[in-house]
């Protein structure tokens, strides 16, 4: 485009380049804004010698960016409409847009309450959920920026005791232990050591085998997590100094002549926590009675230290171990 002299208001608006005949330096460049032929947009004109070159103004560049942005939004809108059309839900396009759903990527985030609100009829909801499910299959999922923590070795010892000689607990402890086993084994990926209705000696043997397997796994390196779950009778007694209390988990052969026999035979929580010492993370889950129902009545009446009832873990026992108990 070469502007005519009539495009300028006067001759003074346009100054031709004055070149020096003796020197061959670069020509002086002057710019002048002139109206375009349409009169709607202005073009920036550079004068180089006697020639004029028209360049688009900044406003024209901005317009081209806005056009490309609008084109992109238009494509997203078409995808949104096409998705609902293929799901035979075209009549809900306007309703969803008014509610703020404008892009196809927003639809999977819709919760159940919103689905019932926008699609009151079950057939419509089913079509929508089916379409979302198909979309997720074909859409690649972006990996999370923050990687999930990985623990190399996860071990769980699970014991449920219900068939006690003194104070039987029925099937509840077994049922609880089975639920925990299924969760830890199937959903959380633990290596589970599961036992039901163990006697005192068998409980100590189970803990020993669990500790041995845990130590062998840790030798190979990597992070480790150890969990012990027990459902059954537990009891608290005073220690030798009479200044603190020890806690014991009872086997099903819970028939003792005296307190000394109980302490000798039964598995203490202190011993369990010491056995888990090599694990990086230690968790003790205890579902035990808070009374002395697992002991002979004659024994409870004779030994005042047992009248305090069931388990109550002390702070000293909890060093380095997370303990949860009923």
Protein backbone atom coordinates (compact mmCIF):
# COMPACT_ATOMS: atom_id res chain seq x y z
CA UNK A 1 0.00 0.00 0.00
CA UNK A 2 1.46 3.34 -1.07
CA UNK A 3 -0.43 6.32 0.40
CA UNK A 4 -1.32 9.14 -1.94
CA UNK A 5 -0.39 12.71 -1.21
CA UNK A 6 -4.09 13.35 -0.62
CA UNK A 7 -3.92 11.11 2.46
CA UNK A 8 -2.02 13.84 4.28
CA UNK A 9 -3.64 16.99 5.60
CA UNK A 10 -0.98 19.23 4.13
CA UNK A 11 2.40 19.10 2.51
CA UNK A 12 3.99 19.93 5.83
CA UNK A 13 2.84 16.59 7.28
CA UNK A 14 5.15 14.69 4.96
CA UNK A 15 8.88 15.48 4.88
CA UNK A 16 10.89 13.72 2.18
CA UNK A 17 14.32 12.42 3.15
CA UNK A 18 17.19 14.79 2.54
CA UNK A 19 20.18 12.65 1.65
CA UNK A 20 23.74 13.89 1.58
CA UNK A 21 25.18 13.39 -1.87
CA UNK A 22 28.75 13.18 -0.57
CA UNK A 23 28.19 10.50 2.14
CA UNK A 24 26.66 7.05 1.76
CA UNK A 25 25.32 6.74 5.32
CA UNK A 26 22.13 4.83 6.19
CA UNK A 27 18.99 6.82 5.31
CA UNK A 28 17.04 8.55 8.05
CA UNK A 29 13.79 6.76 8.86
CA UNK A 30 10.75 8.78 9.89
CA UNK A 31 7.34 7.38 10.89
CA UNK A 32 3.93 8.89 10.29
CA UNK A 33 0.44 7.56 11.20
CA UNK A 34 -1.94 7.88 8.30
CA UNK A 35 -5.57 6.84 7.85
CA UNK A 36 -6.15 3.62 5.94
CA UNK A 37 -8.34 3.48 2.89
CA UNK A 38 -11.29 2.32 4.90
CA UNK A 39 -10.87 5.15 7.37
CA UNK A 40 -11.54 2.76 10.29
CA UNK A 41 -7.99 1.70 11.16
CA UNK A 42 -4.77 3.67 11.10
CA UNK A 43 -1.53 2.32 9.70
CA UNK A 44 1.98 3.34 10.71
CA UNK A 45 3.96 4.53 7.70
CA UNK A 46 7.78 4.57 7.60
CA UNK A 47 9.50 6.85 5.14
CA UNK A 48 12.72 5.52 3.74
CA UNK A 49 14.01 7.86 1.12
CA UNK A 50 11.10 8.57 -1.18
CA UNK A 51 9.33 5.23 -0.58
CA UNK A 52 6.60 4.63 2.02
CA UNK A 53 6.01 1.23 3.70
CA UNK A 54 2.79 0.60 5.68
CA UNK A 55 3.07 -1.46 8.93
CA UNK A 56 0.17 -2.70 11.09
CA UNK A 57 -0.41 -0.71 14.28
CA UNK A 58 -0.33 -2.19 17.84
CA UNK A 59 -4.12 -2.12 17.91
CA UNK A 60 -4.22 -4.36 14.86
CA UNK A 61 -1.88 -6.89 16.55
CA UNK A 62 -4.07 -6.93 19.65
CA UNK A 63 -7.08 -7.57 17.50
CA UNK A 64 -5.45 -10.61 15.92
CA UNK A 65 -4.64 -12.04 19.41
CA UNK A 66 -8.23 -11.54 20.54
CA UNK A 67 -9.45 -13.23 17.38
CA UNK A 68 -7.27 -16.31 18.02
CA UNK A 69 -8.41 -16.43 21.65
CA UNK A 70 -12.03 -16.22 20.59
CA UNK A 71 -11.44 -18.99 18.06
CA UNK A 72 -9.98 -21.20 20.82
CA UNK A 73 -12.98 -20.59 23.08
CA UNK A 74 -15.26 -21.36 20.19
CA UNK A 75 -13.58 -24.73 19.67
CA UNK A 76 -14.00 -25.56 23.37
CA UNK A 77 -17.67 -24.62 23.18
CA UNK A 78 -18.11 -26.93 20.19
CA UNK A 79 -16.48 -29.81 22.08
CA UNK A 80 -18.80 -29.17 25.03
CA UNK A 81 -21.91 -29.21 22.82
CA UNK A 82 -20.72 -32.24 20.83
CA UNK A 83 -20.09 -34.23 24.02
CA UNK A 84 -23.62 -33.63 25.31
CA UNK A 85 -25.11 -34.25 21.87
CA UNK A 86 -23.40 -37.66 21.59
CA UNK A 87 -24.71 -38.49 25.07
CA UNK A 88 -28.23 -37.50 23.88
CA UNK A 89 -28.32 -34.65 26.41
CA UNK A 90 -28.35 -31.63 24.09
CA UNK A 91 -31.30 -30.06 25.91
CA UNK A 92 -29.12 -29.50 28.97
CA UNK A 93 -26.41 -27.41 27.27
CA UNK A 94 -27.87 -24.02 28.20
CA UNK A 95 -28.70 -25.07 31.77
CA UNK A 96 -25.15 -26.29 32.41
CA UNK A 97 -23.60 -23.15 30.92
CA UNK A 98 -25.73 -20.93 33.12
CA UNK A 99 -24.47 -22.93 36.12
CA UNK A 100 -20.85 -22.25 35.13
CA UNK A 101 -20.04 -25.46 33.22
CA UNK A 102 -18.55 -24.19 29.95
CA UNK A 103 -15.75 -26.66 29.25
CA UNK A 104 -15.80 -30.41 28.83
CA UNK A 105 -12.98 -30.78 31.40
CA UNK A 106 -15.27 -29.35 34.12
CA UNK A 107 -17.91 -32.07 33.80
CA UNK A 108 -16.08 -34.94 35.61
CA UNK A 109 -15.87 -32.71 38.71
CA UNK A 110 -19.65 -32.62 39.08
CA UNK A 111 -20.76 -34.16 42.38
CA UNK A 112 -23.80 -36.38 42.96
CA UNK A 113 -26.00 -33.54 44.26
CA UNK A 114 -25.38 -31.47 41.15
CA UNK A 115 -26.10 -34.45 38.91
CA UNK A 116 -29.51 -34.88 40.53
CA UNK A 117 -30.14 -31.14 40.18
CA UNK A 118 -29.24 -30.89 36.48
CA UNK A 119 -30.49 -34.34 35.49
CA UNK A 120 -33.61 -35.04 37.63
CA UNK A 121 -34.48 -38.19 35.68
CA UNK A 122 -32.45 -41.35 36.22
CA UNK A 123 -32.09 -42.20 32.48
CA UNK A 124 -30.46 -38.81 31.89
CA UNK A 125 -28.08 -39.27 34.83
CA UNK A 126 -27.12 -42.72 33.59
CA UNK A 127 -26.34 -41.40 30.12
CA UNK A 128 -24.24 -38.60 31.60
CA UNK A 129 -22.27 -40.91 33.93
CA UNK A 130 -21.70 -43.40 31.11
CA UNK A 131 -20.40 -40.64 28.83
CA UNK A 132 -18.06 -39.36 31.55
CA UNK A 133 -16.76 -42.88 32.15
CA UNK A 134 -16.02 -43.34 28.44
CA UNK A 135 -14.32 -39.95 28.28
CA UNK A 136 -11.99 -40.85 31.17
CA UNK A 137 -10.94 -44.02 29.36
CA UNK A 138 -9.87 -42.14 26.25
CA UNK A 139 -8.36 -39.13 28.04
CA UNK A 140 -4.81 -39.48 29.30
CA UNK A 141 -4.51 -38.68 33.01
CA UNK A 142 -1.79 -36.17 33.86
CA UNK A 143 0.64 -37.41 36.53
CA UNK A 144 0.48 -35.65 39.89
CA UNK A 145 3.19 -33.01 40.37
CA UNK A 146 3.73 -34.22 43.93
CA UNK A 147 4.59 -37.95 43.92
CA UNK A 148 2.85 -40.13 46.46
CA UNK A 149 5.05 -41.41 49.28
CA UNK A 150 6.16 -45.01 48.79
CA UNK A 151 6.93 -47.43 51.66
CA UNK A 152 8.84 -50.47 50.51
CA UNK A 153 7.99 -52.88 53.34
CA UNK A 154 4.55 -52.91 55.00
CA UNK A 155 3.90 -55.65 57.56
CA UNK A 156 0.86 -56.29 59.78
CA UNK A 157 0.35 -58.76 62.61
CA UNK A 158 -3.38 -59.26 63.24
CA UNK A 159 -4.75 -61.34 66.15
CA UNK A 160 -8.39 -61.83 67.12
CA UNK A 161 -9.18 -63.69 70.38
CA UNK A 162 -12.76 -64.46 71.37
CA UNK A 163 -12.98 -67.99 72.80
CA UNK A 164 -11.65 -67.22 76.30
CA UNK A 165 -11.89 -69.64 79.19
CA UNK A 166 -12.76 -66.74 81.47
CA UNK A 167 -15.03 -64.07 80.03
CA UNK A 168 -15.55 -65.29 76.45
CA UNK A 169 -16.15 -62.48 73.94
CA UNK A 170 -17.96 -64.39 71.21
CA UNK A 171 -17.31 -63.71 67.52
CA UNK A 172 -16.88 -59.91 67.68
CA UNK A 173 -13.06 -59.90 68.02
CA UNK A 174 -12.74 -62.37 65.14
CA UNK A 175 -15.04 -60.31 62.93
CA UNK A 176 -13.05 -57.15 63.68
CA UNK A 177 -9.76 -58.89 62.95
CA UNK A 178 -11.08 -60.18 59.60
CA UNK A 179 -12.18 -56.69 58.55
CA UNK A 180 -8.76 -55.27 59.40
CA UNK A 181 -7.03 -58.11 57.53
CA UNK A 182 -9.08 -57.51 54.37
CA UNK A 183 -8.39 -53.78 54.46
CA UNK A 184 -4.66 -54.06 55.05
CA UNK A 185 -4.09 -56.97 52.66
CA UNK A 186 -6.37 -56.14 49.73
CA UNK A 187 -6.57 -52.36 49.78
CA UNK A 188 -3.33 -51.22 51.43
CA UNK A 189 -0.94 -53.89 50.16
CA UNK A 190 0.44 -55.14 53.49
CA UNK A 191 2.05 -58.51 54.07
CA UNK A 192 -0.34 -59.80 56.73
CA UNK A 193 0.30 -62.38 59.47
CA UNK A 194 -3.22 -63.35 60.59
CA UNK A 195 -4.22 -65.43 63.66
CA UNK A 196 -7.41 -66.35 65.54
CA UNK A 197 -7.96 -67.56 69.12
CA UNK A 198 -4.32 -67.95 70.19
CA UNK A 199 -3.13 -69.19 73.55
CA UNK A 200 -0.54 -67.19 75.49
CA UNK A 201 2.45 -69.14 74.20
CA UNK A 202 1.15 -69.03 70.61
CA UNK A 203 0.81 -65.25 70.81
CA UNK A 204 4.49 -64.92 71.74
CA UNK A 205 5.45 -67.28 68.91
CA UNK A 206 3.38 -65.27 66.42
CA UNK A 207 5.12 -62.04 67.47
CA UNK A 208 8.55 -63.68 67.19
CA UNK A 209 7.90 -64.92 63.62
CA UNK A 210 6.51 -61.50 62.68
CA UNK A 211 9.62 -59.72 64.01
CA UNK A 212 11.91 -62.15 62.16
CA UNK A 213 10.14 -61.60 58.81
CA UNK A 214 10.23 -57.83 59.34
CA UNK A 215 13.97 -57.79 60.11
CA UNK A 216 14.79 -59.93 57.06
CA UNK A 217 12.86 -57.55 54.79
CA UNK A 218 14.52 -54.46 56.26
CA UNK A 219 18.01 -55.87 55.58
CA UNK A 220 17.45 -55.26 51.87
CA UNK A 221 16.98 -51.53 52.47
CA UNK A 222 14.02 -49.22 51.94
CA UNK A 223 11.39 -47.65 54.20
CA UNK A 224 9.42 -49.95 56.53
CA UNK A 225 6.10 -49.79 58.38
CA UNK A 226 4.94 -52.31 61.01
CA UNK A 227 1.40 -52.57 62.42
CA UNK A 228 0.13 -54.83 65.21
CA UNK A 229 -3.65 -55.18 65.69
CA UNK A 230 -5.13 -57.10 68.63
CA UNK A 231 -8.81 -57.64 69.48
CA UNK A 232 -9.54 -59.42 72.76
CA UNK A 233 -8.94 -59.10 76.51
CA UNK A 234 -6.29 -56.79 77.88
CA UNK A 235 -5.38 -56.02 81.49
CA UNK A 236 -3.28 -53.49 83.37
CA UNK A 237 -1.18 -54.29 86.48
CA UNK A 238 1.22 -52.40 88.70
CA UNK A 239 4.91 -53.01 88.07
CA UNK A 240 7.47 -54.07 90.68
CA UNK A 241 8.14 -50.51 91.85
CA UNK A 242 4.41 -49.90 92.37
CA UNK A 243 4.95 -46.51 90.66
CA UNK A 244 3.66 -47.35 87.17
CA UNK A 245 1.54 -49.91 85.36
CA UNK A 246 2.20 -52.60 82.77
CA UNK A 247 -0.28 -53.71 80.11
CA UNK A 248 -0.81 -57.27 78.90
CA UNK A 249 -2.72 -58.85 76.02
CA UNK A 250 -4.38 -62.10 77.10
CA UNK A 251 -4.39 -65.44 75.33
CA UNK A 252 -7.57 -67.53 75.34
CA UNK A 253 -6.15 -69.81 78.10
CA UNK A 254 -6.59 -66.98 80.64
CA UNK A 255 -6.76 -68.97 83.84
CA UNK A 256 -4.14 -67.89 86.39
CA UNK A 257 -3.38 -68.73 89.99
CA UNK A 258 -1.86 -65.34 90.74
CA UNK A 259 -0.61 -62.10 89.26
CA UNK A 260 2.93 -63.40 88.94
CA UNK A 261 1.75 -66.18 86.65
CA UNK A 262 -0.15 -63.68 84.49
CA UNK A 263 2.95 -61.52 83.99
CA UNK A 264 5.09 -64.56 83.19
CA UNK A 265 2.73 -66.06 80.63
CA UNK A 266 1.14 -63.14 78.84
CA UNK A 267 2.45 -60.80 76.14
CA UNK A 268 3.08 -57.23 77.30
CA UNK A 269 2.56 -54.16 75.11
CA UNK A 270 6.05 -53.03 76.10
CA UNK A 271 7.48 -56.23 74.59
CA UNK A 272 5.51 -55.65 71.35
CA UNK A 273 6.79 -52.09 70.94
CA UNK A 274 10.38 -53.21 71.57
CA UNK A 275 9.95 -55.90 68.91
CA UNK A 276 8.93 -53.32 66.31
CA UNK A 277 11.90 -51.09 67.09
CA UNK A 278 13.71 -51.62 63.76
CA UNK A 279 10.74 -50.46 61.67
CA UNK A 280 10.75 -46.83 60.52
CA UNK A 281 7.08 -46.41 61.42
CA UNK A 282 5.42 -48.39 64.24
CA UNK A 283 1.66 -48.54 64.89
CA UNK A 284 -0.13 -50.48 67.65
CA UNK A 285 -3.93 -50.89 67.34
CA UNK A 286 -5.67 -52.36 70.40
CA UNK A 287 -9.36 -53.22 70.59
CA UNK A 288 -9.52 -54.38 74.24
CA UNK A 289 -11.93 -54.18 77.18
CA UNK A 290 -11.38 -51.41 79.71
CA UNK A 291 -12.27 -53.70 82.63
CA UNK A 292 -10.87 -56.87 84.20
CA UNK A 293 -13.52 -59.22 82.78
CA UNK A 294 -10.84 -61.47 81.33
CA UNK A 295 -9.55 -62.49 84.78
CA UNK A 296 -10.91 -64.89 87.43
CA UNK A 297 -13.01 -63.05 90.03
CA UNK A 298 -10.96 -64.50 92.90
CA UNK A 299 -7.80 -63.08 91.34
CA UNK A 300 -9.25 -59.59 90.91
CA UNK A 301 -10.49 -59.47 94.49
CA UNK A 302 -7.15 -60.62 95.94
CA UNK A 303 -4.88 -58.34 93.90
CA UNK A 304 -5.65 -54.64 94.25
CA UNK A 305 -3.29 -53.82 91.40
CA UNK A 306 -5.73 -55.51 88.99
CA UNK A 307 -8.81 -53.58 90.06
CA UNK A 308 -7.84 -50.70 87.77
CA UNK A 309 -9.30 -52.74 84.94
CA UNK A 310 -8.33 -52.89 81.28
CA UNK A 311 -5.59 -51.35 79.16
CA UNK A 312 -4.30 -47.83 79.63
CA UNK A 313 -1.09 -47.21 77.73
CA UNK A 314 1.39 -44.87 79.46
CA UNK A 315 3.48 -42.17 77.78
CA UNK A 316 6.66 -44.09 78.58
CA UNK A 317 5.46 -47.02 76.46
CA UNK A 318 4.61 -44.81 73.49
CA UNK A 319 8.17 -43.69 72.69
CA UNK A 320 8.53 -43.83 68.89
CA UNK A 321 5.25 -45.70 68.40
CA UNK A 322 1.75 -44.56 67.45
CA UNK A 323 -0.79 -46.37 69.65
CA UNK A 324 -4.56 -46.33 69.27
CA UNK A 325 -6.78 -48.21 71.71
CA UNK A 326 -10.43 -48.36 72.72
